Amino acid sequence: TLTPHDEGFSVHLSQARLDLPPPALPGPHQMVNAGAAAAALMLLQGQFPLSPAHMAQGIRSAHWPARLQNMTMHWPGDLLQGWEIWLDGAHNAHAAQAIAAQIKQWNDKPLHLFVGMMGHKDARAFLTPLLVHIQSLNLCPIPGTEQAMSITSLKAALPDDYPVQETP
């Protein structure tokens, strides 16, 4: 069982309880992910002896590029003053739902979404949970690969007459 609290969350497994800090990775789904990993390590304690302090340190310091990664600091100077740039390599409906849950917490600024996608992905299932949260949608090709979904195919996944911009 996973129990959130003010200092993070607790994982309860059989008679054991492990208190952990909030995950460093953004998004409400990351507590569930960290809890699942901690529960697995608790079950495998004999094969992978990690102390609670080591598990807490891993959760506190986890970094996963392109998973709700704040890229704002990588833009030069005043180019985007007042803006935040977030990057996520999400590629399926479950990931889009997790991003949508995080977006609900970002209700202080308009959201502009840029999407490029591989051709074998379900664009409609990915885009649907996100469209209700965005102010604008920009469809982007993925250069250098023939497996990328075309802008035309991405548009076909949208509701009729949904306003989009295209990046060449």
N, C-alpha and C. Protein backbone atom coordinates (compact mmCIF):
# COMPACT_ATOMS: atom_id res chain seq x y z
N THR A 1 0.84 -1.17 0.00
CA THR A 1 0.00 0.00 0.00
C THR A 1 0.89 1.23 0.00
N LEU A 2 0.45 2.26 -0.71
CA LEU A 2 1.18 3.52 -0.79
C LEU A 2 0.35 4.60 -0.08
N THR A 3 0.98 5.30 0.86
CA THR A 3 0.29 6.34 1.61
C THR A 3 1.06 7.65 1.52
N PRO A 4 0.52 8.64 0.80
CA PRO A 4 1.18 9.96 0.78
C PRO A 4 1.03 10.66 2.12
N HIS A 5 2.02 11.47 2.49
CA HIS A 5 1.95 12.30 3.68
C HIS A 5 2.79 13.55 3.45
N ASP A 6 2.80 14.46 4.41
CA ASP A 6 3.46 15.76 4.25
C ASP A 6 4.95 15.65 3.94
N GLU A 7 5.62 14.65 4.45
CA GLU A 7 7.06 14.51 4.26
C GLU A 7 7.42 13.62 3.08
N GLY A 8 6.45 13.14 2.33
CA GLY A 8 6.71 12.23 1.21
C GLY A 8 5.63 11.18 1.12
N PHE A 9 6.03 9.92 1.32
CA PHE A 9 5.06 8.84 1.27
C PHE A 9 5.61 7.62 2.00
N SER A 10 4.71 6.69 2.32
CA SER A 10 5.09 5.44 2.98
C SER A 10 4.67 4.28 2.10
N VAL A 11 5.50 3.26 2.09
CA VAL A 11 5.18 2.01 1.41
C VAL A 11 4.96 0.97 2.50
N HIS A 12 3.80 0.32 2.48
CA HIS A 12 3.46 -0.72 3.45
C HIS A 12 3.42 -2.04 2.70
N LEU A 13 4.21 -3.00 3.15
CA LEU A 13 4.28 -4.30 2.51
C LEU A 13 4.33 -5.35 3.61
N SER A 14 3.30 -6.17 3.68
CA SER A 14 3.15 -7.13 4.77
C SER A 14 3.20 -6.37 6.09
N GLN A 15 4.16 -6.71 6.94
CA GLN A 15 4.28 -6.03 8.24
C GLN A 15 5.29 -4.88 8.19
N ALA A 16 5.93 -4.68 7.03
CA ALA A 16 6.98 -3.67 6.93
C ALA A 16 6.41 -2.33 6.46
N ARG A 17 7.03 -1.27 6.94
CA ARG A 17 6.68 0.09 6.50
C ARG A 17 7.97 0.82 6.19
N LEU A 18 8.00 1.49 5.05
CA LEU A 18 9.17 2.25 4.64
C LEU A 18 8.72 3.67 4.33
N ASP A 19 9.28 4.65 5.04
CA ASP A 19 8.97 6.06 4.80
C ASP A 19 10.01 6.62 3.84
N LEU A 20 9.51 7.30 2.80
CA LEU A 20 10.39 7.82 1.76
C LEU A 20 10.07 9.28 1.47
N PRO A 21 11.05 10.02 0.93
CA PRO A 21 10.83 11.43 0.60
C PRO A 21 10.03 11.56 -0.70
N PRO A 22 9.54 12.75 -0.99
CA PRO A 22 8.88 12.93 -2.28
C PRO A 22 9.89 12.74 -3.42
N PRO A 23 9.45 12.20 -4.54
CA PRO A 23 10.37 11.99 -5.67
C PRO A 23 10.88 13.30 -6.24
N ALA A 24 12.12 13.29 -6.73
CA ALA A 24 12.69 14.46 -7.40
C ALA A 24 12.04 14.67 -8.76
N LEU A 25 11.59 13.59 -9.40
CA LEU A 25 10.98 13.71 -10.72
C LEU A 25 9.59 14.33 -10.58
N PRO A 26 9.24 15.29 -11.43
CA PRO A 26 7.94 15.94 -11.33
C PRO A 26 6.81 15.06 -11.85
N GLY A 27 5.63 15.31 -11.33
CA GLY A 27 4.44 14.59 -11.76
C GLY A 27 3.90 13.72 -10.64
N PRO A 28 2.59 13.78 -10.45
CA PRO A 28 1.99 12.98 -9.38
C PRO A 28 2.18 11.48 -9.57
N HIS A 29 2.36 11.02 -10.80
CA HIS A 29 2.56 9.60 -11.07
C HIS A 29 3.92 9.10 -10.58
N GLN A 30 4.86 10.00 -10.33
CA GLN A 30 6.20 9.56 -9.92
C GLN A 30 6.21 8.96 -8.52
N MET A 31 5.27 9.37 -7.66
CA MET A 31 5.19 8.75 -6.33
C MET A 31 4.78 7.28 -6.46
N VAL A 32 3.86 7.00 -7.37
CA VAL A 32 3.44 5.62 -7.60
C VAL A 32 4.60 4.82 -8.18
N ASN A 33 5.33 5.41 -9.15
CA ASN A 33 6.48 4.72 -9.72
C ASN A 33 7.55 4.42 -8.67
N ALA A 34 7.87 5.44 -7.86
CA ALA A 34 8.88 5.25 -6.81
C ALA A 34 8.41 4.23 -5.78
N GLY A 35 7.12 4.26 -5.44
CA GLY A 35 6.58 3.29 -4.48
C GLY A 35 6.65 1.87 -5.01
N ALA A 36 6.38 1.69 -6.30
CA ALA A 36 6.47 0.35 -6.90
C ALA A 36 7.91 -0.15 -6.88
N ALA A 37 8.85 0.74 -7.20
CA ALA A 37 10.26 0.36 -7.17
C ALA A 37 10.70 0.00 -5.75
N ALA A 38 10.27 0.81 -4.78
CA ALA A 38 10.63 0.54 -3.38
C ALA A 38 10.03 -0.79 -2.91
N ALA A 39 8.77 -1.06 -3.28
CA ALA A 39 8.14 -2.32 -2.88
C ALA A 39 8.88 -3.50 -3.49
N ALA A 40 9.29 -3.38 -4.75
CA ALA A 40 10.06 -4.46 -5.39
C ALA A 40 11.38 -4.67 -4.65
N LEU A 41 12.05 -3.61 -4.29
CA LEU A 41 13.31 -3.74 -3.56
C LEU A 41 13.09 -4.33 -2.17
N MET A 42 11.98 -3.99 -1.54
CA MET A 42 11.67 -4.58 -0.23
C MET A 42 11.48 -6.09 -0.37
N LEU A 43 10.79 -6.52 -1.43
CA LEU A 43 10.56 -7.94 -1.65
C LEU A 43 11.85 -8.68 -2.00
N LEU A 44 12.77 -7.99 -2.65
CA LEU A 44 14.02 -8.61 -3.09
C LEU A 44 15.20 -8.25 -2.19
N GLN A 45 14.91 -7.85 -0.98
CA GLN A 45 15.94 -7.38 -0.05
C GLN A 45 17.09 -8.39 0.10
N GLY A 46 16.80 -9.67 0.03
CA GLY A 46 17.85 -10.68 0.16
C GLY A 46 18.83 -10.66 -1.00
N GLN A 47 18.34 -10.37 -2.19
CA GLN A 47 19.21 -10.34 -3.38
C GLN A 47 19.81 -8.96 -3.64
N PHE A 48 19.10 -7.91 -3.26
CA PHE A 48 19.54 -6.54 -3.48
C PHE A 48 19.46 -5.76 -2.17
N PRO A 49 20.40 -5.99 -1.27
CA PRO A 49 20.32 -5.35 0.04
C PRO A 49 20.63 -3.85 -0.03
N LEU A 50 19.57 -3.06 -0.08
CA LEU A 50 19.70 -1.61 -0.05
C LEU A 50 19.06 -1.09 1.23
N SER A 51 19.75 -0.20 1.87
CA SER A 51 19.20 0.38 3.10
C SER A 51 18.08 1.36 2.74
N PRO A 52 17.19 1.62 3.69
CA PRO A 52 16.18 2.65 3.46
C PRO A 52 16.80 4.01 3.10
N ALA A 53 17.96 4.32 3.67
CA ALA A 53 18.63 5.58 3.35
C ALA A 53 19.07 5.61 1.89
N HIS A 54 19.55 4.48 1.37
CA HIS A 54 19.94 4.42 -0.05
C HIS A 54 18.72 4.56 -0.96
N MET A 55 17.61 3.91 -0.61
CA MET A 55 16.40 4.05 -1.41
C MET A 55 15.92 5.50 -1.41
N ALA A 56 15.94 6.12 -0.23
CA ALA A 56 15.51 7.52 -0.12
C ALA A 56 16.41 8.43 -0.96
N GLN A 57 17.70 8.18 -0.91
CA GLN A 57 18.64 8.99 -1.69
C GLN A 57 18.38 8.84 -3.19
N GLY A 58 18.10 7.64 -3.64
CA GLY A 58 17.79 7.41 -5.05
C GLY A 58 16.53 8.14 -5.49
N ILE A 59 15.51 8.11 -4.68
CA ILE A 59 14.24 8.78 -4.99
C ILE A 59 14.42 10.29 -4.97
N ARG A 60 15.21 10.78 -4.03
CA ARG A 60 15.46 12.22 -3.89
C ARG A 60 16.31 12.78 -5.03
N SER A 61 17.16 11.94 -5.61
CA SER A 61 18.12 12.46 -6.59
C SER A 61 17.90 11.93 -8.01
N ALA A 62 16.83 11.20 -8.24
CA ALA A 62 16.58 10.63 -9.57
C ALA A 62 16.50 11.73 -10.63
N HIS A 63 17.09 11.47 -11.76
CA HIS A 63 17.06 12.39 -12.90
C HIS A 63 16.85 11.54 -14.15
N TRP A 64 15.83 11.87 -14.91
CA TRP A 64 15.53 11.11 -16.12
C TRP A 64 15.30 12.10 -17.25
N PRO A 65 16.30 12.29 -18.10
CA PRO A 65 16.15 13.26 -19.19
C PRO A 65 14.90 13.00 -20.03
N ALA A 66 14.27 14.09 -20.42
CA ALA A 66 13.07 14.09 -21.28
C ALA A 66 11.86 13.47 -20.61
N ARG A 67 11.82 13.45 -19.31
CA ARG A 67 10.63 13.03 -18.56
C ARG A 67 10.22 14.21 -17.70
N LEU A 68 9.31 15.04 -18.25
CA LEU A 68 8.93 16.30 -17.61
C LEU A 68 10.19 17.02 -17.11
N GLN A 69 11.11 17.21 -18.04
CA GLN A 69 12.37 17.86 -17.73
C GLN A 69 12.26 19.35 -18.00
N ASN A 70 12.57 20.14 -17.00
CA ASN A 70 12.52 21.59 -17.16
C ASN A 70 13.76 22.03 -17.93
N MET A 71 13.54 22.54 -19.14
CA MET A 71 14.62 22.96 -20.03
C MET A 71 14.85 24.47 -20.02
N THR A 72 14.11 25.19 -19.19
CA THR A 72 14.16 26.65 -19.19
C THR A 72 15.58 27.17 -19.04
N MET A 73 16.37 26.57 -18.15
CA MET A 73 17.72 27.06 -17.88
C MET A 73 18.65 26.89 -19.08
N HIS A 74 18.26 26.09 -20.06
CA HIS A 74 19.11 25.83 -21.22
C HIS A 74 18.87 26.84 -22.35
N TRP A 75 17.94 27.77 -22.17
CA TRP A 75 17.66 28.79 -23.19
C TRP A 75 18.45 30.03 -22.85
N PRO A 76 18.99 30.72 -23.86
CA PRO A 76 19.86 31.87 -23.59
C PRO A 76 19.11 33.10 -23.08
N GLY A 77 19.70 33.73 -22.09
CA GLY A 77 19.30 35.03 -21.59
C GLY A 77 17.82 35.31 -21.48
N ASP A 78 17.42 36.42 -22.06
CA ASP A 78 16.04 36.89 -21.96
C ASP A 78 15.15 36.37 -23.07
N LEU A 79 15.62 35.42 -23.86
CA LEU A 79 14.85 34.93 -25.01
C LEU A 79 13.43 34.54 -24.63
N LEU A 80 13.29 33.89 -23.49
CA LEU A 80 11.97 33.40 -23.08
C LEU A 80 11.58 33.93 -21.71
N GLN A 81 11.86 35.19 -21.46
CA GLN A 81 11.58 35.76 -20.14
C GLN A 81 10.11 35.55 -19.78
N GLY A 82 9.87 34.98 -18.60
CA GLY A 82 8.51 34.71 -18.13
C GLY A 82 7.95 33.38 -18.61
N TRP A 83 8.69 32.66 -19.40
CA TRP A 83 8.23 31.37 -19.93
C TRP A 83 8.98 30.23 -19.26
N GLU A 84 8.37 29.07 -19.27
CA GLU A 84 9.04 27.83 -18.87
C GLU A 84 8.97 26.87 -20.04
N ILE A 85 10.04 26.12 -20.24
CA ILE A 85 10.10 25.12 -21.31
C ILE A 85 10.25 23.76 -20.64
N TRP A 86 9.29 22.87 -20.91
CA TRP A 86 9.32 21.52 -20.35
C TRP A 86 9.37 20.53 -21.50
N LEU A 87 10.18 19.50 -21.36
CA LEU A 87 10.35 18.48 -22.39
C LEU A 87 9.92 17.13 -21.83
N ASP A 88 9.12 16.42 -22.61
CA ASP A 88 8.77 15.06 -22.21
C ASP A 88 8.74 14.19 -23.45
N GLY A 89 9.37 13.04 -23.36
CA GLY A 89 9.42 12.09 -24.48
C GLY A 89 8.28 11.10 -24.44
N ALA A 90 7.17 11.48 -23.85
CA ALA A 90 6.01 10.58 -23.74
C ALA A 90 5.59 10.10 -25.13
N HIS A 91 5.07 8.87 -25.18
CA HIS A 91 4.73 8.31 -26.48
C HIS A 91 3.52 7.38 -26.46
N ASN A 92 2.77 7.39 -25.38
CA ASN A 92 1.58 6.54 -25.36
C ASN A 92 0.49 7.20 -24.51
N ALA A 93 -0.69 6.59 -24.54
CA ALA A 93 -1.85 7.17 -23.86
C ALA A 93 -1.64 7.27 -22.35
N HIS A 94 -1.03 6.27 -21.73
CA HIS A 94 -0.80 6.32 -20.28
C HIS A 94 0.13 7.47 -19.91
N ALA A 95 1.16 7.67 -20.70
CA ALA A 95 2.08 8.78 -20.44
C ALA A 95 1.36 10.11 -20.63
N ALA A 96 0.52 10.21 -21.64
CA ALA A 96 -0.24 11.45 -21.86
C ALA A 96 -1.16 11.74 -20.69
N GLN A 97 -1.76 10.71 -20.12
CA GLN A 97 -2.63 10.91 -18.95
C GLN A 97 -1.81 11.39 -17.75
N ALA A 98 -0.60 10.86 -17.61
CA ALA A 98 0.26 11.30 -16.51
C ALA A 98 0.66 12.76 -16.70
N ILE A 99 0.97 13.14 -17.93
CA ILE A 99 1.31 14.54 -18.21
C ILE A 99 0.09 15.43 -17.96
N ALA A 100 -1.07 14.98 -18.38
CA ALA A 100 -2.30 15.76 -18.16
C ALA A 100 -2.53 16.00 -16.67
N ALA A 101 -2.24 15.00 -15.84
CA ALA A 101 -2.39 15.18 -14.38
C ALA A 101 -1.44 16.25 -13.86
N GLN A 102 -0.22 16.28 -14.40
CA GLN A 102 0.73 17.32 -13.99
C GLN A 102 0.29 18.69 -14.50
N ILE A 103 -0.22 18.74 -15.72
CA ILE A 103 -0.67 20.00 -16.31
C ILE A 103 -1.77 20.63 -15.46
N LYS A 104 -2.63 19.81 -14.88
CA LYS A 104 -3.70 20.34 -14.02
C LYS A 104 -3.12 21.15 -12.87
N GLN A 105 -1.90 20.81 -12.44
CA GLN A 105 -1.26 21.54 -11.36
C GLN A 105 -0.60 22.83 -11.86
N TRP A 106 -0.41 22.95 -13.16
CA TRP A 106 0.17 24.15 -13.76
C TRP A 106 -0.93 25.02 -14.30
N ASN A 107 -1.78 25.51 -13.50
CA ASN A 107 -2.91 26.30 -13.99
C ASN A 107 -2.63 27.79 -14.00
N ASP A 108 -1.38 28.19 -13.75
CA ASP A 108 -1.06 29.61 -13.67
C ASP A 108 -0.59 30.22 -14.98
N LYS A 109 -0.29 29.40 -16.00
CA LYS A 109 0.23 29.91 -17.26
C LYS A 109 -0.40 29.15 -18.42
N PRO A 110 -0.55 29.81 -19.57
CA PRO A 110 -1.06 29.10 -20.74
C PRO A 110 -0.05 28.05 -21.20
N LEU A 111 -0.54 26.99 -21.78
CA LEU A 111 0.30 25.89 -22.22
C LEU A 111 0.24 25.77 -23.74
N HIS A 112 1.42 25.74 -24.35
CA HIS A 112 1.55 25.58 -25.80
C HIS A 112 2.28 24.26 -26.03
N LEU A 113 1.65 23.35 -26.74
CA LEU A 113 2.17 22.00 -26.90
C LEU A 113 2.77 21.82 -28.30
N PHE A 114 3.97 21.25 -28.34
CA PHE A 114 4.63 20.89 -29.59
C PHE A 114 4.69 19.36 -29.64
N VAL A 115 4.23 18.78 -30.74
CA VAL A 115 4.16 17.32 -30.83
C VAL A 115 4.75 16.84 -32.14
N GLY A 116 5.66 15.90 -32.03
CA GLY A 116 6.16 15.10 -33.14
C GLY A 116 6.05 13.66 -32.68
N MET A 117 5.80 12.72 -33.57
CA MET A 117 5.51 11.36 -33.13
C MET A 117 5.97 10.34 -34.17
N MET A 118 6.36 9.20 -33.68
CA MET A 118 6.72 8.11 -34.59
C MET A 118 5.44 7.53 -35.20
N GLY A 119 5.57 7.00 -36.41
CA GLY A 119 4.42 6.55 -37.19
C GLY A 119 3.64 5.40 -36.61
N HIS A 120 4.24 4.58 -35.78
CA HIS A 120 3.54 3.42 -35.23
C HIS A 120 2.78 3.72 -33.94
N LYS A 121 2.80 4.97 -33.50
CA LYS A 121 2.11 5.35 -32.26
C LYS A 121 0.65 5.73 -32.53
N ASP A 122 -0.15 5.70 -31.49
CA ASP A 122 -1.57 6.06 -31.58
C ASP A 122 -1.71 7.54 -31.21
N ALA A 123 -1.66 8.39 -32.21
CA ALA A 123 -1.68 9.83 -31.98
C ALA A 123 -2.97 10.28 -31.31
N ARG A 124 -4.09 9.74 -31.70
CA ARG A 124 -5.37 10.15 -31.11
C ARG A 124 -5.39 9.83 -29.61
N ALA A 125 -4.98 8.62 -29.24
CA ALA A 125 -4.97 8.23 -27.82
C ALA A 125 -4.00 9.09 -27.02
N PHE A 126 -2.91 9.50 -27.65
CA PHE A 126 -1.94 10.35 -26.97
C PHE A 126 -2.46 11.77 -26.82
N LEU A 127 -3.00 12.33 -27.88
CA LEU A 127 -3.39 13.75 -27.87
C LEU A 127 -4.67 14.03 -27.08
N THR A 128 -5.60 13.11 -27.09
CA THR A 128 -6.92 13.38 -26.49
C THR A 128 -6.86 13.89 -25.06
N PRO A 129 -6.11 13.26 -24.14
CA PRO A 129 -6.13 13.78 -22.76
C PRO A 129 -5.41 15.12 -22.61
N LEU A 130 -4.63 15.52 -23.60
CA LEU A 130 -3.87 16.76 -23.50
C LEU A 130 -4.59 17.96 -24.10
N LEU A 131 -5.42 17.75 -25.09
CA LEU A 131 -6.03 18.86 -25.83
C LEU A 131 -6.86 19.79 -24.96
N VAL A 132 -7.51 19.26 -23.95
CA VAL A 132 -8.36 20.11 -23.10
C VAL A 132 -7.56 21.09 -22.24
N HIS A 133 -6.24 20.88 -22.15
CA HIS A 133 -5.40 21.70 -21.27
C HIS A 133 -4.55 22.73 -22.00
N ILE A 134 -4.56 22.73 -23.32
CA ILE A 134 -3.61 23.55 -24.04
C ILE A 134 -4.26 24.76 -24.71
N GLN A 135 -3.45 25.79 -24.87
CA GLN A 135 -3.90 26.99 -25.57
C GLN A 135 -3.62 26.88 -27.07
N SER A 136 -2.51 26.22 -27.42
CA SER A 136 -2.20 26.04 -28.83
C SER A 136 -1.45 24.74 -29.04
N LEU A 137 -1.53 24.25 -30.28
CA LEU A 137 -0.88 22.99 -30.65
C LEU A 137 -0.04 23.24 -31.89
N ASN A 138 1.22 22.84 -31.81
CA ASN A 138 2.13 22.96 -32.94
C ASN A 138 2.59 21.55 -33.31
N LEU A 139 2.33 21.13 -34.54
CA LEU A 139 2.72 19.81 -35.01
C LEU A 139 4.08 19.90 -35.68
N CYS A 140 4.98 19.00 -35.32
CA CYS A 140 6.37 19.06 -35.77
C CYS A 140 6.78 17.75 -36.43
N PRO A 141 7.50 17.84 -37.53
CA PRO A 141 8.07 16.61 -38.09
C PRO A 141 9.26 16.17 -37.24
N ILE A 142 9.66 14.93 -37.38
CA ILE A 142 10.88 14.44 -36.73
C ILE A 142 11.90 14.23 -37.84
N PRO A 143 12.84 15.15 -37.96
CA PRO A 143 13.79 15.06 -39.07
C PRO A 143 14.71 13.85 -38.94
N GLY A 144 15.11 13.34 -40.08
CA GLY A 144 16.11 12.28 -40.10
C GLY A 144 15.57 10.87 -39.97
N THR A 145 14.26 10.69 -39.94
CA THR A 145 13.72 9.34 -39.86
C THR A 145 12.47 9.20 -40.73
N GLU A 146 12.45 8.15 -41.49
CA GLU A 146 11.28 7.87 -42.33
C GLU A 146 10.13 7.27 -41.52
N GLN A 147 10.41 6.83 -40.30
CA GLN A 147 9.38 6.22 -39.46
C GLN A 147 8.52 7.24 -38.73
N ALA A 148 8.84 8.51 -38.88
CA ALA A 148 8.07 9.55 -38.19
C ALA A 148 6.68 9.70 -38.80
N MET A 149 5.72 10.05 -37.96
CA MET A 149 4.36 10.31 -38.42
C MET A 149 4.35 11.65 -39.16
N SER A 150 3.65 11.70 -40.25
CA SER A 150 3.56 12.94 -41.02
C SER A 150 2.63 13.93 -40.30
N ILE A 151 2.79 15.19 -40.65
CA ILE A 151 1.92 16.22 -40.11
C ILE A 151 0.47 15.92 -40.51
N THR A 152 0.27 15.44 -41.73
CA THR A 152 -1.08 15.10 -42.20
C THR A 152 -1.69 14.02 -41.32
N SER A 153 -0.92 13.00 -40.97
CA SER A 153 -1.44 11.93 -40.10
C SER A 153 -1.72 12.43 -38.69
N LEU A 154 -0.86 13.32 -38.18
CA LEU A 154 -1.12 13.91 -36.86
C LEU A 154 -2.41 14.71 -36.88
N LYS A 155 -2.61 15.49 -37.94
CA LYS A 155 -3.85 16.28 -38.05
C LYS A 155 -5.08 15.37 -38.09
N ALA A 156 -4.96 14.22 -38.75
CA ALA A 156 -6.09 13.30 -38.85
C ALA A 156 -6.49 12.74 -37.49
N ALA A 157 -5.59 12.78 -36.52
CA ALA A 157 -5.88 12.27 -35.18
C ALA A 157 -6.62 13.29 -34.32
N LEU A 158 -6.75 14.50 -34.83
CA LEU A 158 -7.38 15.58 -34.07
C LEU A 158 -8.86 15.69 -34.40
N PRO A 159 -9.63 16.29 -33.50
CA PRO A 159 -11.04 16.58 -33.84
C PRO A 159 -11.09 17.47 -35.08
N ASP A 160 -12.16 17.37 -35.83
CA ASP A 160 -12.32 18.18 -37.04
C ASP A 160 -12.13 19.66 -36.73
N ASP A 161 -11.43 20.32 -37.59
CA ASP A 161 -11.20 21.77 -37.49
C ASP A 161 -10.47 22.20 -36.23
N TYR A 162 -9.71 21.30 -35.59
CA TYR A 162 -8.92 21.70 -34.43
C TYR A 162 -7.81 22.61 -34.91
N PRO A 163 -7.63 23.79 -34.32
CA PRO A 163 -6.61 24.72 -34.82
C PRO A 163 -5.20 24.24 -34.48
N VAL A 164 -4.37 24.19 -35.50
CA VAL A 164 -2.97 23.78 -35.30
C VAL A 164 -2.04 24.71 -36.05
N GLN A 165 -0.81 24.71 -35.58
CA GLN A 165 0.27 25.37 -36.29
C GLN A 165 1.22 24.27 -36.71
N GLU A 166 1.98 24.53 -37.77
CA GLU A 166 2.93 23.53 -38.23
C GLU A 166 4.33 24.09 -38.19
N THR A 167 5.27 23.27 -37.72
CA THR A 167 6.67 23.61 -37.75
C THR A 167 7.27 22.94 -38.97
N PRO A 168 7.93 23.71 -39.81
CA PRO A 168 8.52 23.09 -41.02
C PRO A 168 9.63 22.13 -40.69
